[in-house]
Every structure is written in C-alpha cells, then in structure tokens.
Amino acid sequence: GPDGGSHQMLEDIALMRVLPNMRVLVPADYTAAQAAIRY
C-alpha cells in the first residue's frame, strides 16, 4: 500500500523459485498461512 514502489516487492517469487533446494509457498489466507508455516 502507501509505502510505495520501493517497498512493494514484486520479484521475490522469481528470485526464490530459481534457487536449488528452495521450496516456495504462497498462502491465500490466514488458515493457509498457518498450514504453510507449520509444514
């Protein structure tokens, strides 16, 4: 939001998914986020 373009990270999935051994999770809501952190 108001923090603007300098703080709105739009490239992080790209950076993380290309790394060997890294798994990438993007939860859709609070319940999914709980499950992702626990997993």
PDB file of all heavy atoms in Angstrom:
ATOM      1  N   GLY A   1       0.773  -1.235   0.000  1.00  0.00           N
ATOM      2  CA  GLY A   1       0.000   0.000   0.000  1.00  0.00           C
ATOM      3  C   GLY A   1       0.802   1.281   0.000  1.00  0.00           C
ATOM      4  O   GLY A   1       1.669   1.478  -0.864  1.00  0.00           O
ATOM      5  N   PRO A   2       0.562   2.187   0.971  1.00  0.00           N
ATOM      6  CA  PRO A   2       1.131   3.539   0.923  1.00  0.00           C
ATOM      7  C   PRO A   2       2.651   3.597   0.972  1.00  0.00           C
ATOM      8  O   PRO A   2       3.232   4.632   0.632  1.00  0.00           O
ATOM      9  CB  PRO A   2       0.520   4.216   2.168  1.00  0.00           C
ATOM     10  CG  PRO A   2      -0.712   3.439   2.461  1.00  0.00           C
ATOM     11  CD  PRO A   2      -0.396   2.027   2.067  1.00  0.00           C
ATOM     12  N   ASP A   3       3.318   2.507   1.389  1.00  0.00           N
ATOM     13  CA  ASP A   3       4.781   2.526   1.426  1.00  0.00           C
ATOM     14  C   ASP A   3       5.392   2.685   0.042  1.00  0.00           C
ATOM     15  O   ASP A   3       6.554   3.066  -0.092  1.00  0.00           O
ATOM     16  CB  ASP A   3       5.314   1.245   2.083  1.00  0.00           C
ATOM     17  CG  ASP A   3       5.034   1.199   3.569  1.00  0.00           C
ATOM     18  OD1 ASP A   3       4.532   2.203   4.109  1.00  0.00           O
ATOM     19  OD2 ASP A   3       5.312   0.170   4.196  1.00  0.00           O
ATOM     20  N   GLY A   4       4.634   2.378  -1.007  1.00  0.00           N
ATOM     21  CA  GLY A   4       5.059   2.679  -2.364  1.00  0.00           C
ATOM     22  C   GLY A   4       5.956   1.644  -3.009  1.00  0.00           C
ATOM     23  O   GLY A   4       6.261   0.588  -2.446  1.00  0.00           O
ATOM     24  N   GLY A   5       6.395   1.982  -4.230  1.00  0.00           N
ATOM     25  CA  GLY A   5       7.123   1.041  -5.065  1.00  0.00           C
ATOM     26  C   GLY A   5       8.426   0.545  -4.489  1.00  0.00           C
ATOM     27  O   GLY A   5       8.853  -0.566  -4.795  1.00  0.00           O
ATOM     28  N   SER A   6       9.091   1.349  -3.676  1.00  0.00           N
ATOM     29  CA  SER A   6      10.368   0.903  -3.102  1.00  0.00           C
ATOM     30  C   SER A   6      10.184  -0.270  -2.149  1.00  0.00           C
ATOM     31  O   SER A   6      11.108  -1.063  -1.949  1.00  0.00           O
ATOM     32  CB  SER A   6      11.047   2.066  -2.368  1.00  0.00           C
ATOM     33  OG  SER A   6      10.251   2.492  -1.266  1.00  0.00           O
ATOM     34  N   HIS A   7       8.993  -0.391  -1.552  1.00  0.00           N
ATOM     35  CA  HIS A   7       8.741  -1.444  -0.571  1.00  0.00           C
ATOM     36  C   HIS A   7       7.796  -2.530  -1.079  1.00  0.00           C
ATOM     37  O   HIS A   7       7.584  -3.527  -0.385  1.00  0.00           O
ATOM     38  CB  HIS A   7       8.150  -0.835   0.705  1.00  0.00           C
ATOM     39  CG  HIS A   7       9.154  -0.156   1.580  1.00  0.00           C
ATOM     40  ND1 HIS A   7       9.982   0.843   1.120  1.00  0.00           N
ATOM     41  CD2 HIS A   7       9.466  -0.328   2.894  1.00  0.00           C
ATOM     42  CE1 HIS A   7      10.753   1.266   2.113  1.00  0.00           C
ATOM     43  NE2 HIS A   7      10.461   0.563   3.192  1.00  0.00           N
ATOM     44  N   GLN A   8       7.236  -2.364  -2.249  1.00  0.00           N
ATOM     45  CA  GLN A   8       6.298  -3.352  -2.799  1.00  0.00           C
ATOM     46  C   GLN A   8       7.082  -4.389  -3.597  1.00  0.00           C
ATOM     47  O   GLN A   8       7.342  -4.217  -4.783  1.00  0.00           O
ATOM     48  CB  GLN A   8       5.248  -2.648  -3.659  1.00  0.00           C
ATOM     49  CG  GLN A   8       4.301  -1.781  -2.852  1.00  0.00           C
ATOM     50  CD  GLN A   8       3.463  -0.858  -3.702  1.00  0.00           C
ATOM     51  OE1 GLN A   8       3.517  -0.900  -4.934  1.00  0.00           O
ATOM     52  NE2 GLN A   8       2.687   0.003  -3.071  1.00  0.00           N
ATOM     53  N   MET A   9       7.436  -5.473  -2.935  1.00  0.00           N
ATOM     54  CA  MET A   9       8.280  -6.490  -3.558  1.00  0.00           C
ATOM     55  C   MET A   9       7.470  -7.310  -4.547  1.00  0.00           C
ATOM     56  O   MET A   9       6.513  -7.998  -4.178  1.00  0.00           O
ATOM     57  CB  MET A   9       8.888  -7.396  -2.491  1.00  0.00           C
ATOM     58  CG  MET A   9       9.902  -8.383  -3.037  1.00  0.00           C
ATOM     59  SD  MET A   9      11.199  -7.564  -3.992  1.00  0.00           S
ATOM     60  CE  MET A   9      12.472  -8.797  -4.012  1.00  0.00           C
ATOM     61  N   LEU A  10       7.858  -7.251  -5.826  1.00  0.00           N
ATOM     62  CA  LEU A  10       7.156  -7.927  -6.909  1.00  0.00           C
ATOM     63  C   LEU A  10       8.042  -8.932  -7.640  1.00  0.00           C
ATOM     64  O   LEU A  10       7.639  -9.461  -8.675  1.00  0.00           O
ATOM     65  CB  LEU A  10       6.624  -6.892  -7.910  1.00  0.00           C
ATOM     66  CG  LEU A  10       5.655  -5.859  -7.331  1.00  0.00           C
ATOM     67  CD1 LEU A  10       5.389  -4.748  -8.335  1.00  0.00           C
ATOM     68  CD2 LEU A  10       4.360  -6.535  -6.912  1.00  0.00           C
ATOM     69  N   GLU A  11       9.214  -9.167  -7.114  1.00  0.00           N
ATOM     70  CA  GLU A  11      10.165 -10.054  -7.785  1.00  0.00           C
ATOM     71  C   GLU A  11      10.595 -11.238  -6.919  1.00  0.00           C
ATOM     72  O   GLU A  11      11.445 -12.030  -7.321  1.00  0.00           O
ATOM     73  CB  GLU A  11      11.420  -9.266  -8.199  1.00  0.00           C
ATOM     74  CG  GLU A  11      11.161  -8.019  -9.027  1.00  0.00           C
ATOM     75  CD  GLU A  11      10.849  -6.788  -8.165  1.00  0.00           C
ATOM     76  OE1 GLU A  11      11.424  -6.675  -7.063  1.00  0.00           O
ATOM     77  OE2 GLU A  11      10.026  -5.966  -8.589  1.00  0.00           O
ATOM     78  N   ASP A  12      10.053 -11.369  -5.729  1.00  0.00           N
ATOM     79  CA  ASP A  12      10.554 -12.340  -4.765  1.00  0.00           C
ATOM     80  C   ASP A  12      10.287 -13.789  -5.153  1.00  0.00           C
ATOM     81  O   ASP A  12      11.139 -14.657  -4.946  1.00  0.00           O
ATOM     82  CB  ASP A  12      10.001 -12.055  -3.370  1.00  0.00           C
ATOM     83  CG  ASP A  12       8.483 -11.899  -3.347  1.00  0.00           C
ATOM     84  OD1 ASP A  12       7.937 -11.253  -4.266  1.00  0.00           O
ATOM     85  OD2 ASP A  12       7.834 -12.400  -2.415  1.00  0.00           O
ATOM     86  N   ILE A  13       9.118 -14.068  -5.728  1.00  0.00           N
ATOM     87  CA  ILE A  13       8.854 -15.447  -6.158  1.00  0.00           C
ATOM     88  C   ILE A  13       9.867 -15.859  -7.220  1.00  0.00           C
ATOM     89  O   ILE A  13      10.402 -16.972  -7.189  1.00  0.00           O
ATOM     90  CB  ILE A  13       7.417 -15.592  -6.692  1.00  0.00           C
ATOM     91  CG1 ILE A  13       6.400 -15.337  -5.575  1.00  0.00           C
ATOM     92  CG2 ILE A  13       7.193 -16.980  -7.293  1.00  0.00           C
ATOM     93  CD1 ILE A  13       4.954 -15.300  -6.050  1.00  0.00           C
ATOM     94  N   ALA A  14      10.143 -14.945  -8.143  1.00  0.00           N
ATOM     95  CA  ALA A  14      11.125 -15.223  -9.191  1.00  0.00           C
ATOM     96  C   ALA A  14      12.494 -15.525  -8.593  1.00  0.00           C
ATOM     97  O   ALA A  14      13.166 -16.491  -8.991  1.00  0.00           O
ATOM     98  CB  ALA A  14      11.220 -14.030 -10.140  1.00  0.00           C
ATOM     99  N   LEU A  15      12.906 -14.721  -7.624  1.00  0.00           N
ATOM    100  CA  LEU A  15      14.220 -14.905  -7.007  1.00  0.00           C
ATOM    101  C   LEU A  15      14.310 -16.235  -6.251  1.00  0.00           C
ATOM    102  O   LEU A  15      15.317 -16.940  -6.329  1.00  0.00           O
ATOM    103  CB  LEU A  15      14.513 -13.753  -6.044  1.00  0.00           C
ATOM    104  CG  LEU A  15      14.763 -12.377  -6.649  1.00  0.00           C
ATOM    105  CD1 LEU A  15      14.846 -11.329  -5.543  1.00  0.00           C
ATOM    106  CD2 LEU A  15      16.038 -12.375  -7.480  1.00  0.00           C
ATOM    107  N   MET A  16      13.264 -16.564  -5.531  1.00  0.00           N
ATOM    108  CA  MET A  16      13.317 -17.736  -4.661  1.00  0.00           C
ATOM    109  C   MET A  16      13.109 -19.045  -5.416  1.00  0.00           C
ATOM    110  O   MET A  16      13.737 -20.057  -5.113  1.00  0.00           O
ATOM    111  CB  MET A  16      12.289 -17.606  -3.540  1.00  0.00           C
ATOM    112  CG  MET A  16      12.582 -16.487  -2.549  1.00  0.00           C
ATOM    113  SD  MET A  16      14.110 -16.701  -1.600  1.00  0.00           S
ATOM    114  CE  MET A  16      15.209 -15.551  -2.452  1.00  0.00           C
ATOM    115  N   ARG A  17      12.242 -19.058  -6.425  1.00  0.00           N
ATOM    116  CA  ARG A  17      11.928 -20.338  -7.066  1.00  0.00           C
ATOM    117  C   ARG A  17      13.077 -20.854  -7.925  1.00  0.00           C
ATOM    118  O   ARG A  17      13.144 -22.053  -8.213  1.00  0.00           O
ATOM    119  CB  ARG A  17      10.646 -20.232  -7.885  1.00  0.00           C
ATOM    120  CG  ARG A  17      10.738 -19.565  -9.239  1.00  0.00           C
ATOM    121  CD  ARG A  17       9.377 -19.617  -9.941  1.00  0.00           C
ATOM    122  NE  ARG A  17       9.406 -19.077 -11.286  1.00  0.00           N
ATOM    123  CZ  ARG A  17       9.649 -19.800 -12.385  1.00  0.00           C
ATOM    124  NH1 ARG A  17       9.892 -21.095 -12.288  1.00  0.00           N
ATOM    125  NH2 ARG A  17       9.648 -19.227 -13.573  1.00  0.00           N
ATOM    126  N   VAL A  18      13.983 -19.986  -8.318  1.00  0.00           N
ATOM    127  CA  VAL A  18      15.091 -20.431  -9.157  1.00  0.00           C
ATOM    128  C   VAL A  18      16.210 -21.090  -8.348  1.00  0.00           C
ATOM    129  O   VAL A  18      17.078 -21.754  -8.910  1.00  0.00           O
ATOM    130  CB  VAL A  18      15.653 -19.234  -9.968  1.00  0.00           C
ATOM    131  CG1 VAL A  18      16.482 -18.316  -9.088  1.00  0.00           C
ATOM    132  CG2 VAL A  18      16.451 -19.708 -11.169  1.00  0.00           C
ATOM    133  N   LEU A  19      16.169 -20.952  -7.023  1.00  0.00           N
ATOM    134  CA  LEU A  19      17.256 -21.470  -6.195  1.00  0.00           C
ATOM    135  C   LEU A  19      17.132 -22.978  -5.966  1.00  0.00           C
ATOM    136  O   LEU A  19      16.077 -23.457  -5.544  1.00  0.00           O
ATOM    137  CB  LEU A  19      17.264 -20.771  -4.832  1.00  0.00           C
ATOM    138  CG  LEU A  19      17.729 -19.319  -4.832  1.00  0.00           C
ATOM    139  CD1 LEU A  19      17.477 -18.673  -3.470  1.00  0.00           C
ATOM    140  CD2 LEU A  19      19.208 -19.231  -5.193  1.00  0.00           C
ATOM    141  N   PRO A  20      18.185 -23.740  -6.222  1.00  0.00           N
ATOM    142  CA  PRO A  20      18.159 -25.166  -5.894  1.00  0.00           C
ATOM    143  C   PRO A  20      17.894 -25.368  -4.399  1.00  0.00           C
ATOM    144  O   PRO A  20      18.348 -24.578  -3.562  1.00  0.00           O
ATOM    145  CB  PRO A  20      19.566 -25.637  -6.264  1.00  0.00           C
ATOM    146  CG  PRO A  20      20.037 -24.647  -7.284  1.00  0.00           C
ATOM    147  CD  PRO A  20      19.447 -23.342  -6.878  1.00  0.00           C
ATOM    148  N   ASN A  21      17.139 -26.407  -4.079  1.00  0.00           N
ATOM    149  CA  ASN A  21      16.790 -26.808  -2.714  1.00  0.00           C
ATOM    150  C   ASN A  21      15.723 -25.942  -2.050  1.00  0.00           C
ATOM    151  O   ASN A  21      15.257 -26.274  -0.955  1.00  0.00           O
ATOM    152  CB  ASN A  21      18.025 -26.855  -1.790  1.00  0.00           C
ATOM    153  CG  ASN A  21      19.058 -27.855  -2.247  1.00  0.00           C
ATOM    154  OD1 ASN A  21      18.712 -28.916  -2.764  1.00  0.00           O
ATOM    155  ND2 ASN A  21      20.331 -27.531  -2.079  1.00  0.00           N
ATOM    156  N   MET A  22      15.325 -24.829  -2.673  1.00  0.00           N
ATOM    157  CA  MET A  22      14.315 -23.957  -2.078  1.00  0.00           C
ATOM    158  C   MET A  22      12.913 -24.385  -2.496  1.00  0.00           C
ATOM    159  O   MET A  22      12.663 -24.647  -3.672  1.00  0.00           O
ATOM    160  CB  MET A  22      14.542 -22.503  -2.505  1.00  0.00           C
ATOM    161  CG  MET A  22      13.553 -21.508  -1.890  1.00  0.00           C
ATOM    162  SD  MET A  22      13.716 -21.370  -0.106  1.00  0.00           S
ATOM    163  CE  MET A  22      15.059 -20.166  -0.005  1.00  0.00           C
ATOM    164  N   ARG A  23      12.002 -24.441  -1.534  1.00  0.00           N
ATOM    165  CA  ARG A  23      10.585 -24.656  -1.811  1.00  0.00           C
ATOM    166  C   ARG A  23       9.837 -23.355  -1.553  1.00  0.00           C
ATOM    167  O   ARG A  23      10.175 -22.620  -0.617  1.00  0.00           O
ATOM    168  CB  ARG A  23      10.043 -25.798  -0.940  1.00  0.00           C
ATOM    169  CG  ARG A  23      10.469 -27.166  -1.474  1.00  0.00           C
ATOM    170  CD  ARG A  23      10.573 -28.204  -0.397  1.00  0.00           C
ATOM    171  NE  ARG A  23      11.701 -27.926   0.480  1.00  0.00           N
ATOM    172  CZ  ARG A  23      12.054 -28.717   1.492  1.00  0.00           C
ATOM    173  NH1 ARG A  23      11.357 -29.811   1.738  1.00  0.00           N
ATOM    174  NH2 ARG A  23      13.084 -28.417   2.254  1.00  0.00           N
ATOM    175  N   VAL A  24       8.815 -23.083  -2.361  1.00  0.00           N
ATOM    176  CA  VAL A  24       8.153 -21.781  -2.347  1.00  0.00           C
ATOM    177  C   VAL A  24       6.657 -21.954  -2.090  1.00  0.00           C
ATOM    178  O   VAL A  24       5.963 -22.625  -2.865  1.00  0.00           O
ATOM    179  CB  VAL A  24       8.378 -21.034  -3.678  1.00  0.00           C
ATOM    180  CG1 VAL A  24       7.656 -19.694  -3.670  1.00  0.00           C
ATOM    181  CG2 VAL A  24       9.874 -20.832  -3.938  1.00  0.00           C
ATOM    182  N   LEU A  25       6.172 -21.320  -1.025  1.00  0.00           N
ATOM    183  CA  LEU A  25       4.768 -21.394  -0.634  1.00  0.00           C
ATOM    184  C   LEU A  25       4.169 -19.993  -0.573  1.00  0.00           C
ATOM    185  O   LEU A  25       4.763 -19.088   0.007  1.00  0.00           O
ATOM    186  CB  LEU A  25       4.621 -22.060   0.745  1.00  0.00           C
ATOM    187  CG  LEU A  25       5.216 -23.463   0.896  1.00  0.00           C
ATOM    188  CD1 LEU A  25       5.117 -23.920   2.347  1.00  0.00           C
ATOM    189  CD2 LEU A  25       4.522 -24.453  -0.026  1.00  0.00           C
ATOM    190  N   VAL A  26       2.980 -19.821  -1.177  1.00  0.00           N
ATOM    191  CA  VAL A  26       2.291 -18.525  -1.183  1.00  0.00           C
ATOM    192  C   VAL A  26       0.861 -18.746  -0.704  1.00  0.00           C
ATOM    193  O   VAL A  26      -0.042 -19.008  -1.505  1.00  0.00           O
ATOM    194  CB  VAL A  26       2.317 -17.874  -2.582  1.00  0.00           C
ATOM    195  CG1 VAL A  26       1.704 -16.474  -2.516  1.00  0.00           C
ATOM    196  CG2 VAL A  26       3.739 -17.799  -3.123  1.00  0.00           C
ATOM    197  N   PRO A  27       0.613 -18.674   0.606  1.00  0.00           N
ATOM    198  CA  PRO A  27      -0.726 -18.945   1.133  1.00  0.00           C
ATOM    199  C   PRO A  27      -1.733 -17.866   0.779  1.00  0.00           C
ATOM    200  O   PRO A  27      -1.400 -16.682   0.686  1.00  0.00           O
ATOM    201  CB  PRO A  27      -0.494 -19.027   2.638  1.00  0.00           C
ATOM    202  CG  PRO A  27       0.758 -18.247   2.886  1.00  0.00           C
ATOM    203  CD  PRO A  27       1.607 -18.432   1.667  1.00  0.00           C
ATOM    204  N   ALA A  28      -2.991 -18.288   0.621  1.00  0.00           N
ATOM    205  CA  ALA A  28      -4.057 -17.390   0.184  1.00  0.00           C
ATOM    206  C   ALA A  28      -4.775 -16.707   1.339  1.00  0.00           C
ATOM    207  O   ALA A  28      -5.396 -15.664   1.137  1.00  0.00           O
ATOM    208  CB  ALA A  28      -5.080 -18.150  -0.654  1.00  0.00           C
ATOM    209  N   ASP A  29      -4.748 -17.300   2.529  1.00  0.00           N
ATOM    210  CA  ASP A  29      -5.418 -16.679   3.667  1.00  0.00           C
ATOM    211  C   ASP A  29      -4.724 -17.093   4.950  1.00  0.00           C
ATOM    212  O   ASP A  29      -3.706 -17.807   4.936  1.00  0.00           O
ATOM    213  CB  ASP A  29      -6.916 -17.017   3.681  1.00  0.00           C
ATOM    214  CG  ASP A  29      -7.223 -18.470   4.046  1.00  0.00           C
ATOM    215  OD1 ASP A  29      -6.279 -19.278   4.193  1.00  0.00           O
ATOM    216  OD2 ASP A  29      -8.419 -18.806   4.182  1.00  0.00           O
ATOM    217  N   TYR A  30      -5.287 -16.636   6.066  1.00  0.00           N
ATOM    218  CA  TYR A  30      -4.689 -16.879   7.373  1.00  0.00           C
ATOM    219  C   TYR A  30      -4.564 -18.379   7.670  1.00  0.00           C
ATOM    220  O   TYR A  30      -3.517 -18.848   8.125  1.00  0.00           O
ATOM    221  CB  TYR A  30      -5.544 -16.192   8.435  1.00  0.00           C
ATOM    222  CG  TYR A  30      -5.187 -16.522   9.857  1.00  0.00           C
ATOM    223  CD1 TYR A  30      -4.143 -15.872  10.504  1.00  0.00           C
ATOM    224  CD2 TYR A  30      -5.906 -17.490  10.563  1.00  0.00           C
ATOM    225  CE1 TYR A  30      -3.813 -16.175  11.815  1.00  0.00           C
ATOM    226  CE2 TYR A  30      -5.587 -17.801  11.871  1.00  0.00           C
ATOM    227  CZ  TYR A  30      -4.539 -17.138  12.498  1.00  0.00           C
ATOM    228  OH  TYR A  30      -4.217 -17.447  13.794  1.00  0.00           O
ATOM    229  N   THR A  31      -5.605 -19.143   7.385  1.00  0.00           N
ATOM    230  CA  THR A  31      -5.586 -20.581   7.644  1.00  0.00           C
ATOM    231  C   THR A  31      -4.514 -21.280   6.814  1.00  0.00           C
ATOM    232  O   THR A  31      -3.781 -22.141   7.316  1.00  0.00           O
ATOM    233  CB  THR A  31      -6.970 -21.191   7.361  1.00  0.00           C
ATOM    234  OG1 THR A  31      -7.932 -20.586   8.229  1.00  0.00           O
ATOM    235  CG2 THR A  31      -6.971 -22.698   7.584  1.00  0.00           C
ATOM    236  N   ALA A  32      -4.421 -20.915   5.546  1.00  0.00           N
ATOM    237  CA  ALA A  32      -3.389 -21.495   4.685  1.00  0.00           C
ATOM    238  C   ALA A  32      -1.992 -21.095   5.149  1.00  0.00           C
ATOM    239  O   ALA A  32      -1.048 -21.891   5.066  1.00  0.00           O
ATOM    240  CB  ALA A  32      -3.615 -21.067   3.245  1.00  0.00           C
ATOM    241  N   ALA A  33      -1.854 -19.863   5.646  1.00  0.00           N
ATOM    242  CA  ALA A  33      -0.550 -19.407   6.148  1.00  0.00           C
ATOM    243  C   ALA A  33      -0.131 -20.208   7.373  1.00  0.00           C
ATOM    244  O   ALA A  33       1.043 -20.589   7.512  1.00  0.00           O
ATOM    245  CB  ALA A  33      -0.611 -17.923   6.469  1.00  0.00           C
ATOM    246  N   GLN A  34      -1.079 -20.482   8.269  1.00  0.00           N
ATOM    247  CA  GLN A  34      -0.773 -21.331   9.418  1.00  0.00           C
ATOM    248  C   GLN A  34      -0.236 -22.690   8.961  1.00  0.00           C
ATOM    249  O   GLN A  34       0.768 -23.187   9.481  1.00  0.00           O
ATOM    250  CB  GLN A  34      -2.036 -21.549  10.258  1.00  0.00           C
ATOM    251  CG  GLN A  34      -2.463 -20.388  11.120  1.00  0.00           C
ATOM    252  CD  GLN A  34      -3.663 -20.761  11.975  1.00  0.00           C
ATOM    253  OE1 GLN A  34      -4.676 -21.266  11.468  1.00  0.00           O
ATOM    254  NE2 GLN A  34      -3.570 -20.536  13.265  1.00  0.00           N
ATOM    255  N   ALA A  35      -0.920 -23.271   7.985  1.00  0.00           N
ATOM    256  CA  ALA A  35      -0.523 -24.587   7.481  1.00  0.00           C
ATOM    257  C   ALA A  35       0.848 -24.537   6.815  1.00  0.00           C
ATOM    258  O   ALA A  35       1.659 -25.460   6.973  1.00  0.00           O
ATOM    259  CB  ALA A  35      -1.572 -25.107   6.508  1.00  0.00           C
ATOM    260  N   ALA A  36       1.121 -23.454   6.066  1.00  0.00           N
ATOM    261  CA  ALA A  36       2.407 -23.329   5.389  1.00  0.00           C
ATOM    262  C   ALA A  36       3.551 -23.211   6.387  1.00  0.00           C
ATOM    263  O   ALA A  36       4.610 -23.845   6.227  1.00  0.00           O
ATOM    264  CB  ALA A  36       2.381 -22.109   4.469  1.00  0.00           C
ATOM    265  N   ILE A  37       3.362 -22.403   7.427  1.00  0.00           N
ATOM    266  CA  ILE A  37       4.403 -22.228   8.444  1.00  0.00           C
ATOM    267  C   ILE A  37       4.639 -23.532   9.183  1.00  0.00           C
ATOM    268  O   ILE A  37       5.785 -23.932   9.438  1.00  0.00           O
ATOM    269  CB  ILE A  37       4.004 -21.093   9.410  1.00  0.00           C
ATOM    270  CG1 ILE A  37       3.981 -19.757   8.665  1.00  0.00           C
ATOM    271  CG2 ILE A  37       4.956 -21.026  10.610  1.00  0.00           C
ATOM    272  CD1 ILE A  37       3.215 -18.663   9.365  1.00  0.00           C
ATOM    273  N   ARG A  38       3.567 -24.223   9.518  1.00  0.00           N
ATOM    274  CA  ARG A  38       3.692 -25.500  10.227  1.00  0.00           C
ATOM    275  C   ARG A  38       4.399 -26.545   9.352  1.00  0.00           C
ATOM    276  O   ARG A  38       5.274 -27.278   9.837  1.00  0.00           O
ATOM    277  CB  ARG A  38       2.299 -25.990  10.636  1.00  0.00           C
ATOM    278  CG  ARG A  38       2.277 -27.320  11.365  1.00  0.00           C
ATOM    279  CD  ARG A  38       0.900 -27.616  11.904  1.00  0.00           C
ATOM    280  NE  ARG A  38       0.579 -26.722  13.015  1.00  0.00           N
ATOM    281  CZ  ARG A  38       0.942 -26.934  14.284  1.00  0.00           C
ATOM    282  NH1 ARG A  38       1.624 -28.042  14.593  1.00  0.00           N
ATOM    283  NH2 ARG A  38       0.607 -26.093  15.233  1.00  0.00           N
ATOM    284  N   TYR A  39       4.036 -26.605   8.075  1.00  0.00           N
ATOM    285  CA  TYR A  39       4.669 -27.572   7.183  1.00  0.00           C
ATOM    286  C   TYR A  39       6.166 -27.280   7.037  1.00  0.00           C
ATOM    287  O   TYR A  39       6.998 -28.197   7.086  1.00  0.00           O
ATOM    288  CB  TYR A  39       4.002 -27.542   5.814  1.00  0.00           C
ATOM    289  CG  TYR A  39       4.608 -28.499   4.815  1.00  0.00           C
ATOM    290  CD1 TYR A  39       4.393 -29.869   4.910  1.00  0.00           C
ATOM    291  CD2 TYR A  39       5.416 -28.029   3.781  1.00  0.00           C
ATOM    292  CE1 TYR A  39       4.960 -30.756   4.007  1.00  0.00           C
ATOM    293  CE2 TYR A  39       5.989 -28.907   2.869  1.00  0.00           C
ATOM    294  CZ  TYR A  39       5.764 -30.269   2.989  1.00  0.00           C
ATOM    295  OH  TYR A  39       6.333 -31.140   2.096  1.00  0.00           O
TER     296      TYR A  39
END
